[in-house]
């Protein structure tokens, strides 16, 4: 089985062994936000050179809370029981902030989705995260 990014660079980055489930749901969401955006930016940039503001608008449309909530709804049936439990922990976490242009429901769903992405990444399951994102983008009509 191929090692995840964290495992491959653990020594170089002087990382301690951490069980992904030991992090709070909001920490998982913090990490998952970055991971998800990186995958989306990679997909958007891969479509070819464009003005940076156009790349940003395309990316922003896919990483906003509303889009993440929609993606979760489309993927919910594909998630394992363990993945759903991680999502629920993130969705139910009490955050002191809220997105400017999102409903509370979408924001909480997006936080759960981000927590799942963070948990998969920190657990060395980047392939599963990419698989889910790919399926979600296909179902949203965003894959070319």
C-alpha atoms as a PDB file:
ATOM      1  CA  UNK A   1       0.000   0.000   0.000  1.00  0.00           C
ATOM      2  CA  UNK A   2       1.325   3.421  -0.968  1.00  0.00           C
ATOM      3  CA  UNK A   3       2.195   5.791   1.842  1.00  0.00           C
ATOM      4  CA  UNK A   4       0.338   9.065   2.192  1.00  0.00           C
ATOM      5  CA  UNK A   5       2.021  12.450   1.939  1.00  0.00           C
ATOM      6  CA  UNK A   6       2.265  12.808   5.719  1.00  0.00           C
ATOM      7  CA  UNK A   7       4.002   9.413   6.059  1.00  0.00           C
ATOM      8  CA  UNK A   8       6.407  10.106   3.204  1.00  0.00           C
ATOM      9  CA  UNK A   9       7.589  13.413   4.632  1.00  0.00           C
ATOM     10  CA  UNK A  10       7.265  12.714   8.345  1.00  0.00           C
ATOM     11  CA  UNK A  11      11.022  12.640   8.969  1.00  0.00           C
ATOM     12  CA  UNK A  12      11.848  15.611   6.767  1.00  0.00           C
ATOM     13  CA  UNK A  13       9.190  17.778   8.420  1.00  0.00           C
ATOM     14  CA  UNK A  14       9.900  16.356  11.905  1.00  0.00           C
ATOM     15  CA  UNK A  15       6.268  15.342  12.376  1.00  0.00           C
ATOM     16  CA  UNK A  16       5.026  13.344  15.336  1.00  0.00           C
ATOM     17  CA  UNK A  17       2.755  10.357  14.788  1.00  0.00           C
ATOM     18  CA  UNK A  18      -0.788  11.576  15.305  1.00  0.00           C
ATOM     19  CA  UNK A  19      -4.020   9.674  14.924  1.00  0.00           C
ATOM     20  CA  UNK A  20      -6.320  11.823  12.718  1.00  0.00           C
ATOM     21  CA  UNK A  21      -9.236  11.155  15.056  1.00  0.00           C
ATOM     22  CA  UNK A  22      -7.341  12.761  17.916  1.00  0.00           C
ATOM     23  CA  UNK A  23      -7.735  16.224  16.391  1.00  0.00           C
ATOM     24  CA  UNK A  24     -10.755  18.352  17.146  1.00  0.00           C
ATOM     25  CA  UNK A  25     -13.321  18.546  14.337  1.00  0.00           C
ATOM     26  CA  UNK A  26     -12.519  22.217  13.748  1.00  0.00           C
ATOM     27  CA  UNK A  27      -8.801  21.442  13.393  1.00  0.00           C
ATOM     28  CA  UNK A  28      -9.700  18.742  10.879  1.00  0.00           C
ATOM     29  CA  UNK A  29     -11.859  21.270   9.024  1.00  0.00           C
ATOM     30  CA  UNK A  30      -9.017  23.814   9.093  1.00  0.00           C
ATOM     31  CA  UNK A  31      -6.719  21.285   7.429  1.00  0.00           C
ATOM     32  CA  UNK A  32      -9.452  19.990   5.118  1.00  0.00           C
ATOM     33  CA  UNK A  33     -10.206  23.495   3.861  1.00  0.00           C
ATOM     34  CA  UNK A  34      -6.626  23.814   2.620  1.00  0.00           C
ATOM     35  CA  UNK A  35      -6.497  20.284   1.211  1.00  0.00           C
ATOM     36  CA  UNK A  36      -9.794  20.637  -0.665  1.00  0.00           C
ATOM     37  CA  UNK A  37      -8.822  24.027  -2.078  1.00  0.00           C
ATOM     38  CA  UNK A  38      -5.457  22.682  -3.234  1.00  0.00           C
ATOM     39  CA  UNK A  39      -7.152  19.820  -5.111  1.00  0.00           C
ATOM     40  CA  UNK A  40      -9.674  22.213  -6.676  1.00  0.00           C
ATOM     41  CA  UNK A  41      -6.971  24.720  -7.647  1.00  0.00           C
ATOM     42  CA  UNK A  42      -4.998  21.879  -9.214  1.00  0.00           C
ATOM     43  CA  UNK A  43      -8.026  20.894 -11.298  1.00  0.00           C
ATOM     44  CA  UNK A  44      -8.775  24.502 -12.309  1.00  0.00           C
ATOM     45  CA  UNK A  45      -5.164  25.311 -13.264  1.00  0.00           C
ATOM     46  CA  UNK A  46      -4.882  22.061 -15.198  1.00  0.00           C
ATOM     47  CA  UNK A  47      -7.490  23.353 -17.649  1.00  0.00           C
ATOM     48  CA  UNK A  48      -4.800  25.655 -19.023  1.00  0.00           C
ATOM     49  CA  UNK A  49      -3.344  29.101 -18.581  1.00  0.00           C
ATOM     50  CA  UNK A  50      -5.794  31.862 -17.811  1.00  0.00           C
ATOM     51  CA  UNK A  51      -5.828  35.192 -16.059  1.00  0.00           C
ATOM     52  CA  UNK A  52      -5.361  34.696 -12.333  1.00  0.00           C
ATOM     53  CA  UNK A  53      -8.603  36.511 -11.491  1.00  0.00           C
ATOM     54  CA  UNK A  54     -10.503  34.063 -13.729  1.00  0.00           C
ATOM     55  CA  UNK A  55      -8.775  31.129 -12.033  1.00  0.00           C
ATOM     56  CA  UNK A  56      -9.712  32.605  -8.656  1.00  0.00           C
ATOM     57  CA  UNK A  57     -13.377  33.068  -9.602  1.00  0.00           C
ATOM     58  CA  UNK A  58     -13.609  29.509 -10.913  1.00  0.00           C
ATOM     59  CA  UNK A  59     -11.948  28.142  -7.777  1.00  0.00           C
ATOM     60  CA  UNK A  60     -14.011  30.307  -5.417  1.00  0.00           C
ATOM     61  CA  UNK A  61     -17.200  28.998  -7.001  1.00  0.00           C
ATOM     62  CA  UNK A  62     -16.210  25.437  -6.123  1.00  0.00           C
ATOM     63  CA  UNK A  63     -14.797  25.996  -2.637  1.00  0.00           C
ATOM     64  CA  UNK A  64     -17.542  28.189  -1.200  1.00  0.00           C
ATOM     65  CA  UNK A  65     -19.726  26.693   1.510  1.00  0.00           C
ATOM     66  CA  UNK A  66     -22.745  26.301  -0.764  1.00  0.00           C
ATOM     67  CA  UNK A  67     -20.760  24.222  -3.288  1.00  0.00           C
ATOM     68  CA  UNK A  68     -19.197  22.073  -0.564  1.00  0.00           C
ATOM     69  CA  UNK A  69     -22.620  21.422   0.955  1.00  0.00           C
ATOM     70  CA  UNK A  70     -23.949  20.419  -2.473  1.00  0.00           C
ATOM     71  CA  UNK A  71     -20.976  18.118  -3.004  1.00  0.00           C
ATOM     72  CA  UNK A  72     -21.573  16.435   0.343  1.00  0.00           C
ATOM     73  CA  UNK A  73     -25.232  15.814  -0.504  1.00  0.00           C
ATOM     74  CA  UNK A  74     -24.182  14.200  -3.788  1.00  0.00           C
ATOM     75  CA  UNK A  75     -21.555  12.029  -2.084  1.00  0.00           C
ATOM     76  CA  UNK A  76     -23.366  11.072   1.123  1.00  0.00           C
ATOM     77  CA  UNK A  77     -24.420   7.643  -0.185  1.00  0.00           C
ATOM     78  CA  UNK A  78     -20.808   6.794  -1.105  1.00  0.00           C
ATOM     79  CA  UNK A  79     -19.357   7.466   2.335  1.00  0.00           C
ATOM     80  CA  UNK A  80     -18.463   4.728   4.773  1.00  0.00           C
ATOM     81  CA  UNK A  81     -19.927   4.724   8.277  1.00  0.00           C
ATOM     82  CA  UNK A  82     -16.593   5.959   9.641  1.00  0.00           C
ATOM     83  CA  UNK A  83     -16.436   8.799   7.089  1.00  0.00           C
ATOM     84  CA  UNK A  84     -20.018   9.810   7.938  1.00  0.00           C
ATOM     85  CA  UNK A  85     -19.113   9.881  11.629  1.00  0.00           C
ATOM     86  CA  UNK A  86     -16.179  12.228  10.911  1.00  0.00           C
ATOM     87  CA  UNK A  87     -18.445  14.419   8.782  1.00  0.00           C
ATOM     88  CA  UNK A  88     -21.046  14.604  11.582  1.00  0.00           C
ATOM     89  CA  UNK A  89     -18.390  15.570  14.149  1.00  0.00           C
ATOM     90  CA  UNK A  90     -17.351  18.439  11.889  1.00  0.00           C
ATOM     91  CA  UNK A  91     -20.888  19.488  11.049  1.00  0.00           C
ATOM     92  CA  UNK A  92     -21.887  19.566  14.713  1.00  0.00           C
ATOM     93  CA  UNK A  93     -18.783  21.417  15.944  1.00  0.00           C
ATOM     94  CA  UNK A  94     -19.519  24.814  17.434  1.00  0.00           C
ATOM     95  CA  UNK A  95     -17.561  27.448  15.554  1.00  0.00           C
ATOM     96  CA  UNK A  96     -17.221  31.087  16.577  1.00  0.00           C
ATOM     97  CA  UNK A  97     -17.303  32.212  12.956  1.00  0.00           C
ATOM     98  CA  UNK A  98     -19.537  31.842   9.940  1.00  0.00           C
ATOM     99  CA  UNK A  99     -19.009  32.425   6.235  1.00  0.00           C
ATOM    100  CA  UNK A 100     -20.211  35.804   5.022  1.00  0.00           C
ATOM    101  CA  UNK A 101     -22.285  34.545   2.126  1.00  0.00           C
ATOM    102  CA  UNK A 102     -23.588  31.212   3.362  1.00  0.00           C
ATOM    103  CA  UNK A 103     -26.590  29.949   5.230  1.00  0.00           C
ATOM    104  CA  UNK A 104     -25.920  28.393   8.615  1.00  0.00           C
ATOM    105  CA  UNK A 105     -26.982  24.998   7.232  1.00  0.00           C
ATOM    106  CA  UNK A 106     -24.576  25.198   4.275  1.00  0.00           C
ATOM    107  CA  UNK A 107     -21.785  26.470   6.511  1.00  0.00           C
ATOM    108  CA  UNK A 108     -22.162  23.570   8.935  1.00  0.00           C
ATOM    109  CA  UNK A 109     -22.369  21.030   6.109  1.00  0.00           C
ATOM    110  CA  UNK A 110     -19.259  22.549   4.522  1.00  0.00           C
ATOM    111  CA  UNK A 111     -17.438  22.393   7.859  1.00  0.00           C
ATOM    112  CA  UNK A 112     -18.318  18.703   8.107  1.00  0.00           C
ATOM    113  CA  UNK A 113     -17.118  18.108   4.559  1.00  0.00           C
ATOM    114  CA  UNK A 114     -13.867  19.955   5.266  1.00  0.00           C
ATOM    115  CA  UNK A 115     -13.376  17.922   8.458  1.00  0.00           C
ATOM    116  CA  UNK A 116     -13.728  14.754   6.382  1.00  0.00           C
ATOM    117  CA  UNK A 117     -11.154  16.021   3.853  1.00  0.00           C
ATOM    118  CA  UNK A 118      -8.747  16.886   6.685  1.00  0.00           C
ATOM    119  CA  UNK A 119      -9.248  13.509   8.343  1.00  0.00           C
ATOM    120  CA  UNK A 120      -8.599  11.651   5.088  1.00  0.00           C
ATOM    121  CA  UNK A 121      -5.481  13.708   4.364  1.00  0.00           C
ATOM    122  CA  UNK A 122      -4.001  13.413   7.841  1.00  0.00           C
ATOM    123  CA  UNK A 123      -4.759   9.689   7.800  1.00  0.00           C
ATOM    124  CA  UNK A 124      -2.799   9.172   4.569  1.00  0.00           C
ATOM    125  CA  UNK A 125      -5.942   8.592   2.517  1.00  0.00           C
ATOM    126  CA  UNK A 126      -5.395  11.293  -0.112  1.00  0.00           C
ATOM    127  CA  UNK A 127      -6.478   8.853  -2.818  1.00  0.00           C
ATOM    128  CA  UNK A 128      -9.880   8.492  -1.149  1.00  0.00           C
ATOM    129  CA  UNK A 129     -10.208  12.273  -0.836  1.00  0.00           C
ATOM    130  CA  UNK A 130      -9.410  12.711  -4.542  1.00  0.00           C
ATOM    131  CA  UNK A 131     -11.825   9.903  -5.442  1.00  0.00           C
ATOM    132  CA  UNK A 132     -14.643  11.600  -3.530  1.00  0.00           C
ATOM    133  CA  UNK A 133     -13.863  15.035  -4.948  1.00  0.00           C
ATOM    134  CA  UNK A 134     -13.740  13.605  -8.464  1.00  0.00           C
ATOM    135  CA  UNK A 135     -17.114  11.861  -8.032  1.00  0.00           C
ATOM    136  CA  UNK A 136     -18.593  15.023  -6.563  1.00  0.00           C
ATOM    137  CA  UNK A 137     -17.328  17.198  -9.420  1.00  0.00           C
ATOM    138  CA  UNK A 138     -18.700  14.715 -11.961  1.00  0.00           C
ATOM    139  CA  UNK A 139     -22.109  14.733 -10.290  1.00  0.00           C
ATOM    140  CA  UNK A 140     -22.020  18.552 -10.211  1.00  0.00           C
ATOM    141  CA  UNK A 141     -21.216  18.619 -13.941  1.00  0.00           C
ATOM    142  CA  UNK A 142     -17.798  20.158 -13.311  1.00  0.00           C
ATOM    143  CA  UNK A 143     -15.570  17.500 -14.866  1.00  0.00           C
ATOM    144  CA  UNK A 144     -14.514  17.834 -18.459  1.00  0.00           C
END
